[in-house]
């Protein structure tokens, strides 16, 4: 008898608050046979998984990799080939700075069927929890999402920070905590005023969320003095000024 071929679901777990997971993601988790999950996935979401399901932690963080991406791809393929339905549970959205595209490519090459389940992206949800709207008719008509941590194999930044400095109204940076001083200097050199409002939001949408407010010229120093650590999202632009009236989830820092 021919073995049934499994299926892989690339599922976005959202930004941290487990209540922000989508209905579709919850339904898929409830019938999962294997769950391969990341470090930033809320632990409460694993309670939705059947007790009989195999749970595989493949957490990664800057400067330390528990399992390589290549190994993760092999785990997904092997589990699906064993005839089981696999959930690849990823923080935020699987196709936004999350290597979901790379995993989908590996599955396609291996002949494994997959489904993409979008999640609430952290660069949208985290500023909202900090009371910072990314666009506003009086302050910003454009927004860009940028990674502050590019692949180590690249010889230079693909992000042209100097051009980006005056190209859009709001800049949202993921994975840029350790490079904030360098990034700020590049944006200033590109023409963004040192006085431009800036915010850093640590562990957004969770009970540990902290937000610091400053300017492009002093945000790196404030981040250091407050000992802000990853995961944190950086927002640069006039919309940050709205936090003073719109913050609702945490107290001011």
C-alpha atoms as a PDB file:
ATOM      1  CA  UNK A   1       0.000   0.000   0.000  1.00  0.00           C
ATOM      2  CA  UNK A   2       1.389   3.371  -1.009  1.00  0.00           C
ATOM      3  CA  UNK A   3       2.124   5.726   1.899  1.00  0.00           C
ATOM      4  CA  UNK A   4       0.085   8.922   2.022  1.00  0.00           C
ATOM      5  CA  UNK A   5       2.130  12.032   1.309  1.00  0.00           C
ATOM      6  CA  UNK A   6       1.959  14.674   4.011  1.00  0.00           C
ATOM      7  CA  UNK A   7       1.359  18.385   3.596  1.00  0.00           C
ATOM      8  CA  UNK A   8       3.194  21.387   5.074  1.00  0.00           C
ATOM      9  CA  UNK A   9       1.411  24.488   6.371  1.00  0.00           C
ATOM     10  CA  UNK A  10       3.609  27.580   6.634  1.00  0.00           C
ATOM     11  CA  UNK A  11       1.717  29.409   9.366  1.00  0.00           C
ATOM     12  CA  UNK A  12       2.180  32.912  10.753  1.00  0.00           C
ATOM     13  CA  UNK A  13       1.915  32.920  14.551  1.00  0.00           C
ATOM     14  CA  UNK A  14       1.553  36.686  14.808  1.00  0.00           C
ATOM     15  CA  UNK A  15       3.672  39.175  16.765  1.00  0.00           C
ATOM     16  CA  UNK A  16       3.646  37.692  20.275  1.00  0.00           C
ATOM     17  CA  UNK A  17       0.191  38.109  21.775  1.00  0.00           C
ATOM     18  CA  UNK A  18      -1.362  34.643  21.280  1.00  0.00           C
ATOM     19  CA  UNK A  19      -4.819  36.209  20.932  1.00  0.00           C
ATOM     20  CA  UNK A  20      -3.707  37.753  17.644  1.00  0.00           C
ATOM     21  CA  UNK A  21      -3.336  34.387  15.894  1.00  0.00           C
ATOM     22  CA  UNK A  22      -5.812  33.973  13.027  1.00  0.00           C
ATOM     23  CA  UNK A  23      -8.843  31.664  13.110  1.00  0.00           C
ATOM     24  CA  UNK A  24      -7.441  29.660  10.185  1.00  0.00           C
ATOM     25  CA  UNK A  25      -4.105  29.175  11.956  1.00  0.00           C
ATOM     26  CA  UNK A  26      -5.915  27.960  15.090  1.00  0.00           C
ATOM     27  CA  UNK A  27      -7.889  25.401  13.086  1.00  0.00           C
ATOM     28  CA  UNK A  28      -4.753  24.077  11.395  1.00  0.00           C
ATOM     29  CA  UNK A  29      -2.850  23.832  14.685  1.00  0.00           C
ATOM     30  CA  UNK A  30      -5.746  21.858  16.191  1.00  0.00           C
ATOM     31  CA  UNK A  31      -5.212  19.035  13.694  1.00  0.00           C
ATOM     32  CA  UNK A  32      -1.425  19.176  13.323  1.00  0.00           C
ATOM     33  CA  UNK A  33       0.622  15.978  13.504  1.00  0.00           C
ATOM     34  CA  UNK A  34       3.995  17.730  13.596  1.00  0.00           C
ATOM     35  CA  UNK A  35       4.721  21.307  14.667  1.00  0.00           C
ATOM     36  CA  UNK A  36       8.086  22.894  13.860  1.00  0.00           C
ATOM     37  CA  UNK A  37       8.225  26.176  15.742  1.00  0.00           C
ATOM     38  CA  UNK A  38      10.434  29.221  16.310  1.00  0.00           C
ATOM     39  CA  UNK A  39      11.754  30.994  19.408  1.00  0.00           C
ATOM     40  CA  UNK A  40       9.378  33.957  19.124  1.00  0.00           C
ATOM     41  CA  UNK A  41       6.210  31.861  18.917  1.00  0.00           C
ATOM     42  CA  UNK A  42       3.941  32.364  21.951  1.00  0.00           C
ATOM     43  CA  UNK A  43       4.010  29.238  24.086  1.00  0.00           C
ATOM     44  CA  UNK A  44       0.229  29.385  24.547  1.00  0.00           C
ATOM     45  CA  UNK A  45      -0.235  28.527  20.872  1.00  0.00           C
ATOM     46  CA  UNK A  46       1.306  25.107  21.449  1.00  0.00           C
ATOM     47  CA  UNK A  47      -1.628  24.365  23.763  1.00  0.00           C
ATOM     48  CA  UNK A  48      -3.816  24.331  20.641  1.00  0.00           C
ATOM     49  CA  UNK A  49      -1.867  21.383  19.252  1.00  0.00           C
ATOM     50  CA  UNK A  50      -3.033  17.797  19.861  1.00  0.00           C
ATOM     51  CA  UNK A  51      -1.127  16.042  22.663  1.00  0.00           C
ATOM     52  CA  UNK A  52      -0.145  13.320  20.211  1.00  0.00           C
ATOM     53  CA  UNK A  53       1.600  15.776  17.865  1.00  0.00           C
ATOM     54  CA  UNK A  54       5.381  15.870  17.662  1.00  0.00           C
ATOM     55  CA  UNK A  55       6.782  19.297  18.580  1.00  0.00           C
ATOM     56  CA  UNK A  56      10.178  20.303  17.205  1.00  0.00           C
ATOM     57  CA  UNK A  57      11.856  23.514  18.392  1.00  0.00           C
ATOM     58  CA  UNK A  58      14.122  25.139  15.803  1.00  0.00           C
ATOM     59  CA  UNK A  59      14.548  28.541  17.459  1.00  0.00           C
ATOM     60  CA  UNK A  60      17.095  30.971  16.120  1.00  0.00           C
ATOM     61  CA  UNK A  61      18.333  34.356  17.228  1.00  0.00           C
ATOM     62  CA  UNK A  62      20.950  36.831  16.113  1.00  0.00           C
ATOM     63  CA  UNK A  63      24.451  35.508  16.762  1.00  0.00           C
ATOM     64  CA  UNK A  64      23.270  32.048  17.771  1.00  0.00           C
ATOM     65  CA  UNK A  65      21.663  29.401  15.600  1.00  0.00           C
ATOM     66  CA  UNK A  66      20.314  26.281  17.204  1.00  0.00           C
ATOM     67  CA  UNK A  67      19.533  24.645  13.844  1.00  0.00           C
ATOM     68  CA  UNK A  68      20.562  25.878  10.401  1.00  0.00           C
ATOM     69  CA  UNK A  69      17.995  26.804   7.784  1.00  0.00           C
ATOM     70  CA  UNK A  70      19.113  23.909   5.633  1.00  0.00           C
ATOM     71  CA  UNK A  71      18.463  21.514   8.491  1.00  0.00           C
ATOM     72  CA  UNK A  72      15.000  23.013   9.070  1.00  0.00           C
ATOM     73  CA  UNK A  73      14.157  22.443   5.409  1.00  0.00           C
ATOM     74  CA  UNK A  74      15.188  18.797   5.740  1.00  0.00           C
ATOM     75  CA  UNK A  75      13.062  18.350   8.873  1.00  0.00           C
ATOM     76  CA  UNK A  76       9.970  19.690   7.073  1.00  0.00           C
ATOM     77  CA  UNK A  77      10.535  17.494   4.033  1.00  0.00           C
ATOM     78  CA  UNK A  78      11.240  14.346   6.054  1.00  0.00           C
ATOM     79  CA  UNK A  79       8.167  14.823   8.259  1.00  0.00           C
ATOM     80  CA  UNK A  80       5.908  15.341   5.238  1.00  0.00           C
ATOM     81  CA  UNK A  81       7.381  12.323   3.439  1.00  0.00           C
ATOM     82  CA  UNK A  82       6.527  10.225   6.485  1.00  0.00           C
ATOM     83  CA  UNK A  83       2.888  10.887   5.646  1.00  0.00           C
ATOM     84  CA  UNK A  84       2.133  13.449   8.334  1.00  0.00           C
ATOM     85  CA  UNK A  85       0.655  16.948   8.135  1.00  0.00           C
ATOM     86  CA  UNK A  86       3.232  19.457   9.315  1.00  0.00           C
ATOM     87  CA  UNK A  87       2.782  22.973  10.672  1.00  0.00           C
ATOM     88  CA  UNK A  88       5.779  25.253  10.319  1.00  0.00           C
ATOM     89  CA  UNK A  89       4.872  27.858  12.936  1.00  0.00           C
ATOM     90  CA  UNK A  90       6.714  31.122  12.402  1.00  0.00           C
ATOM     91  CA  UNK A  91       6.617  34.412  14.294  1.00  0.00           C
ATOM     92  CA  UNK A  92       4.742  37.233  12.571  1.00  0.00           C
ATOM     93  CA  UNK A  93       4.005  36.449   8.927  1.00  0.00           C
ATOM     94  CA  UNK A  94       5.786  33.579   7.134  1.00  0.00           C
ATOM     95  CA  UNK A  95       6.591  35.669   4.059  1.00  0.00           C
ATOM     96  CA  UNK A  96       7.864  38.839   5.764  1.00  0.00           C
ATOM     97  CA  UNK A  97      11.521  38.652   6.876  1.00  0.00           C
ATOM     98  CA  UNK A  98      10.869  35.111   8.027  1.00  0.00           C
ATOM     99  CA  UNK A  99      12.457  32.802   5.432  1.00  0.00           C
ATOM    100  CA  UNK A 100       9.097  31.339   4.575  1.00  0.00           C
ATOM    101  CA  UNK A 101       9.861  31.927   0.929  1.00  0.00           C
ATOM    102  CA  UNK A 102      13.037  29.859   1.196  1.00  0.00           C
ATOM    103  CA  UNK A 103      11.174  27.035   2.929  1.00  0.00           C
ATOM    104  CA  UNK A 104       8.426  27.080   0.306  1.00  0.00           C
ATOM    105  CA  UNK A 105      11.064  26.837  -2.433  1.00  0.00           C
ATOM    106  CA  UNK A 106      12.657  23.826  -0.723  1.00  0.00           C
ATOM    107  CA  UNK A 107       9.282  22.118  -0.402  1.00  0.00           C
ATOM    108  CA  UNK A 108       8.437  22.753  -4.043  1.00  0.00           C
ATOM    109  CA  UNK A 109      11.776  21.285  -5.168  1.00  0.00           C
ATOM    110  CA  UNK A 110      11.086  18.216  -3.033  1.00  0.00           C
ATOM    111  CA  UNK A 111       7.600  17.784  -4.481  1.00  0.00           C
ATOM    112  CA  UNK A 112       5.884  18.472  -1.145  1.00  0.00           C
ATOM    113  CA  UNK A 113       2.532  20.263  -1.166  1.00  0.00           C
ATOM    114  CA  UNK A 114       2.261  23.361   1.004  1.00  0.00           C
ATOM    115  CA  UNK A 115      -0.215  26.014   2.109  1.00  0.00           C
ATOM    116  CA  UNK A 116       0.636  29.559   3.189  1.00  0.00           C
ATOM    117  CA  UNK A 117      -1.319  30.897   6.161  1.00  0.00           C
ATOM    118  CA  UNK A 118      -0.540  34.620   6.618  1.00  0.00           C
ATOM    119  CA  UNK A 119      -0.119  35.978  10.129  1.00  0.00           C
ATOM    120  CA  UNK A 120      -0.465  39.407  11.715  1.00  0.00           C
ATOM    121  CA  UNK A 121       2.931  40.976  10.870  1.00  0.00           C
ATOM    122  CA  UNK A 122       4.926  42.336  13.778  1.00  0.00           C
ATOM    123  CA  UNK A 123       5.972  45.589  12.041  1.00  0.00           C
ATOM    124  CA  UNK A 124       2.285  46.522  11.853  1.00  0.00           C
ATOM    125  CA  UNK A 125       1.014  45.131  15.163  1.00  0.00           C
ATOM    126  CA  UNK A 126       3.862  46.192  17.448  1.00  0.00           C
ATOM    127  CA  UNK A 127       3.723  49.934  16.620  1.00  0.00           C
ATOM    128  CA  UNK A 128      -0.075  49.752  16.997  1.00  0.00           C
ATOM    129  CA  UNK A 129       0.329  48.323  20.510  1.00  0.00           C
ATOM    130  CA  UNK A 130       2.692  51.208  21.238  1.00  0.00           C
ATOM    131  CA  UNK A 131       0.120  53.752  20.060  1.00  0.00           C
ATOM    132  CA  UNK A 132       1.974  54.627  16.846  1.00  0.00           C
ATOM    133  CA  UNK A 133      -0.069  54.612  13.607  1.00  0.00           C
ATOM    134  CA  UNK A 134       2.256  54.003  10.659  1.00  0.00           C
ATOM    135  CA  UNK A 135       0.259  56.290   8.390  1.00  0.00           C
ATOM    136  CA  UNK A 136      -1.876  59.331   9.154  1.00  0.00           C
ATOM    137  CA  UNK A 137      -3.391  61.903   6.813  1.00  0.00           C
ATOM    138  CA  UNK A 138      -1.542  64.761   8.524  1.00  0.00           C
ATOM    139  CA  UNK A 139       1.792  63.027   9.105  1.00  0.00           C
ATOM    140  CA  UNK A 140       2.539  60.154   6.740  1.00  0.00           C
ATOM    141  CA  UNK A 141       1.287  58.836   3.400  1.00  0.00           C
ATOM    142  CA  UNK A 142       4.020  56.248   2.866  1.00  0.00           C
ATOM    143  CA  UNK A 143       5.709  53.552   4.937  1.00  0.00           C
ATOM    144  CA  UNK A 144       8.500  51.044   4.320  1.00  0.00           C
ATOM    145  CA  UNK A 145       9.520  47.874   6.179  1.00  0.00           C
ATOM    146  CA  UNK A 146      13.260  47.197   6.285  1.00  0.00           C
ATOM    147  CA  UNK A 147      15.486  44.590   7.855  1.00  0.00           C
ATOM    148  CA  UNK A 148      18.396  45.887   9.883  1.00  0.00           C
ATOM    149  CA  UNK A 149      20.095  42.500   9.798  1.00  0.00           C
ATOM    150  CA  UNK A 150      20.963  41.160   6.369  1.00  0.00           C
ATOM    151  CA  UNK A 151      22.507  37.819   5.514  1.00  0.00           C
ATOM    152  CA  UNK A 152      26.164  37.557   6.540  1.00  0.00           C
ATOM    153  CA  UNK A 153      27.007  36.295   3.041  1.00  0.00           C
ATOM    154  CA  UNK A 154      26.275  39.741   1.587  1.00  0.00           C
ATOM    155  CA  UNK A 155      29.330  41.923   1.055  1.00  0.00           C
ATOM    156  CA  UNK A 156      27.315  45.129   1.442  1.00  0.00           C
ATOM    157  CA  UNK A 157      23.891  46.315   2.564  1.00  0.00           C
ATOM    158  CA  UNK A 158      21.184  45.806  -0.018  1.00  0.00           C
ATOM    159  CA  UNK A 159      19.282  48.528   1.810  1.00  0.00           C
ATOM    160  CA  UNK A 160      20.408  51.932   0.598  1.00  0.00           C
ATOM    161  CA  UNK A 161      19.903  53.807   3.850  1.00  0.00           C
ATOM    162  CA  UNK A 162      20.986  57.171   2.445  1.00  0.00           C
ATOM    163  CA  UNK A 163      18.348  57.069  -0.301  1.00  0.00           C
ATOM    164  CA  UNK A 164      15.737  55.690   2.056  1.00  0.00           C
ATOM    165  CA  UNK A 165      16.265  58.642   4.404  1.00  0.00           C
ATOM    166  CA  UNK A 166      14.114  60.996   2.321  1.00  0.00           C
ATOM    167  CA  UNK A 167      12.127  58.520   0.205  1.00  0.00           C
ATOM    168  CA  UNK A 168       9.254  57.739   2.605  1.00  0.00           C
ATOM    169  CA  UNK A 169       7.479  59.278   5.581  1.00  0.00           C
ATOM    170  CA  UNK A 170       7.698  56.322   7.992  1.00  0.00           C
ATOM    171  CA  UNK A 171      10.525  53.802   8.268  1.00  0.00           C
ATOM    172  CA  UNK A 172       9.945  50.586  10.230  1.00  0.00           C
ATOM    173  CA  UNK A 173      13.058  48.536  10.958  1.00  0.00           C
ATOM    174  CA  UNK A 174      13.103  44.924  12.125  1.00  0.00           C
ATOM    175  CA  UNK A 175      16.156  43.213  13.593  1.00  0.00           C
ATOM    176  CA  UNK A 176      18.047  46.483  13.855  1.00  0.00           C
ATOM    177  CA  UNK A 177      18.603  46.755  17.616  1.00  0.00           C
ATOM    178  CA  UNK A 178      22.328  46.044  17.549  1.00  0.00           C
ATOM    179  CA  UNK A 179      22.898  48.298  14.531  1.00  0.00           C
ATOM    180  CA  UNK A 180      20.703  51.243  15.523  1.00  0.00           C
ATOM    181  CA  UNK A 181      23.601  53.667  15.967  1.00  0.00           C
ATOM    182  CA  UNK A 182      25.071  52.795  12.572  1.00  0.00           C
ATOM    183  CA  UNK A 183      21.670  52.887  10.854  1.00  0.00           C
ATOM    184  CA  UNK A 184      20.790  56.250  12.406  1.00  0.00           C
ATOM    185  CA  UNK A 185      24.085  57.744  11.207  1.00  0.00           C
ATOM    186  CA  UNK A 186      23.458  56.531   7.661  1.00  0.00           C
ATOM    187  CA  UNK A 187      19.937  57.966   7.628  1.00  0.00           C
ATOM    188  CA  UNK A 188      21.231  61.316   8.933  1.00  0.00           C
ATOM    189  CA  UNK A 189      23.902  61.384   6.240  1.00  0.00           C
ATOM    190  CA  UNK A 190      21.153  60.719   3.715  1.00  0.00           C
ATOM    191  CA  UNK A 191      19.274  63.835   4.769  1.00  0.00           C
ATOM    192  CA  UNK A 192      16.948  62.683   7.538  1.00  0.00           C
ATOM    193  CA  UNK A 193      17.065  65.337  10.315  1.00  0.00           C
ATOM    194  CA  UNK A 194      18.692  64.393  13.613  1.00  0.00           C
ATOM    195  CA  UNK A 195      15.541  65.788  15.237  1.00  0.00           C
ATOM    196  CA  UNK A 196      13.278  63.309  13.431  1.00  0.00           C
ATOM    197  CA  UNK A 197      11.135  61.386  15.936  1.00  0.00           C
ATOM    198  CA  UNK A 198      12.082  57.774  16.621  1.00  0.00           C
ATOM    199  CA  UNK A 199      10.836  54.932  18.793  1.00  0.00           C
ATOM    200  CA  UNK A 200      12.068  51.499  19.814  1.00  0.00           C
ATOM    201  CA  UNK A 201       9.541  48.907  20.979  1.00  0.00           C
ATOM    202  CA  UNK A 202      10.890  45.862  22.786  1.00  0.00           C
ATOM    203  CA  UNK A 203       8.923  42.573  22.948  1.00  0.00           C
ATOM    204  CA  UNK A 204       5.875  44.233  21.470  1.00  0.00           C
ATOM    205  CA  UNK A 205       2.299  43.006  22.066  1.00  0.00           C
ATOM    206  CA  UNK A 206       3.396  41.024  25.142  1.00  0.00           C
ATOM    207  CA  UNK A 207       3.195  41.836  28.859  1.00  0.00           C
ATOM    208  CA  UNK A 208       6.927  42.643  28.706  1.00  0.00           C
ATOM    209  CA  UNK A 209       6.550  45.374  26.091  1.00  0.00           C
ATOM    210  CA  UNK A 210       8.686  48.491  26.603  1.00  0.00           C
ATOM    211  CA  UNK A 211       8.735  51.581  24.429  1.00  0.00           C
ATOM    212  CA  UNK A 212      11.333  54.345  24.369  1.00  0.00           C
ATOM    213  CA  UNK A 213      10.873  57.600  22.488  1.00  0.00           C
ATOM    214  CA  UNK A 214      13.578  59.886  21.192  1.00  0.00           C
ATOM    215  CA  UNK A 215      15.000  61.346  18.025  1.00  0.00           C
ATOM    216  CA  UNK A 216      17.143  59.883  15.286  1.00  0.00           C
ATOM    217  CA  UNK A 217      20.080  61.636  16.910  1.00  0.00           C
ATOM    218  CA  UNK A 218      19.660  60.194  20.410  1.00  0.00           C
ATOM    219  CA  UNK A 219      17.660  56.963  20.065  1.00  0.00           C
ATOM    220  CA  UNK A 220      20.791  54.771  20.051  1.00  0.00           C
ATOM    221  CA  UNK A 221      21.960  56.288  23.327  1.00  0.00           C
ATOM    222  CA  UNK A 222      18.528  55.874  24.886  1.00  0.00           C
ATOM    223  CA  UNK A 223      18.341  52.266  23.750  1.00  0.00           C
ATOM    224  CA  UNK A 224      21.687  51.602  25.412  1.00  0.00           C
ATOM    225  CA  UNK A 225      20.744  53.326  28.672  1.00  0.00           C
ATOM    226  CA  UNK A 226      17.436  51.443  28.852  1.00  0.00           C
ATOM    227  CA  UNK A 227      19.199  48.203  27.857  1.00  0.00           C
ATOM    228  CA  UNK A 228      16.799  47.463  25.022  1.00  0.00           C
ATOM    229  CA  UNK A 229      17.403  43.976  23.612  1.00  0.00           C
ATOM    230  CA  UNK A 230      15.978  41.991  20.672  1.00  0.00           C
ATOM    231  CA  UNK A 231      13.321  41.436  19.606  1.00  0.00           C
ATOM    232  CA  UNK A 232      12.616  45.116  19.117  1.00  0.00           C
ATOM    233  CA  UNK A 233      11.098  47.160  16.317  1.00  0.00           C
ATOM    234  CA  UNK A 234      12.252  50.653  15.394  1.00  0.00           C
ATOM    235  CA  UNK A 235       9.895  53.301  13.994  1.00  0.00           C
ATOM    236  CA  UNK A 236      11.240  56.527  12.513  1.00  0.00           C
ATOM    237  CA  UNK A 237       9.033  59.405  11.381  1.00  0.00           C
ATOM    238  CA  UNK A 238       6.617  62.101  12.495  1.00  0.00           C
ATOM    239  CA  UNK A 239       3.928  59.511  13.340  1.00  0.00           C
ATOM    240  CA  UNK A 240       5.922  58.684  16.490  1.00  0.00           C
ATOM    241  CA  UNK A 241       4.762  62.036  17.923  1.00  0.00           C
ATOM    242  CA  UNK A 242       1.226  60.652  18.106  1.00  0.00           C
ATOM    243  CA  UNK A 243       2.186  58.124  20.778  1.00  0.00           C
ATOM    244  CA  UNK A 244       1.926  60.743  23.513  1.00  0.00           C
ATOM    245  CA  UNK A 245      -1.845  60.870  23.018  1.00  0.00           C
ATOM    246  CA  UNK A 246      -2.524  57.419  21.598  1.00  0.00           C
ATOM    247  CA  UNK A 247      -0.524  55.035  23.810  1.00  0.00           C
ATOM    248  CA  UNK A 248      -2.821  52.534  25.466  1.00  0.00           C
ATOM    249  CA  UNK A 249      -0.885  49.345  26.194  1.00  0.00           C
ATOM    250  CA  UNK A 250       2.134  50.460  28.223  1.00  0.00           C
ATOM    251  CA  UNK A 251       3.237  53.472  30.261  1.00  0.00           C
ATOM    252  CA  UNK A 252       5.646  56.030  28.824  1.00  0.00           C
ATOM    253  CA  UNK A 253       9.416  55.458  29.207  1.00  0.00           C
END
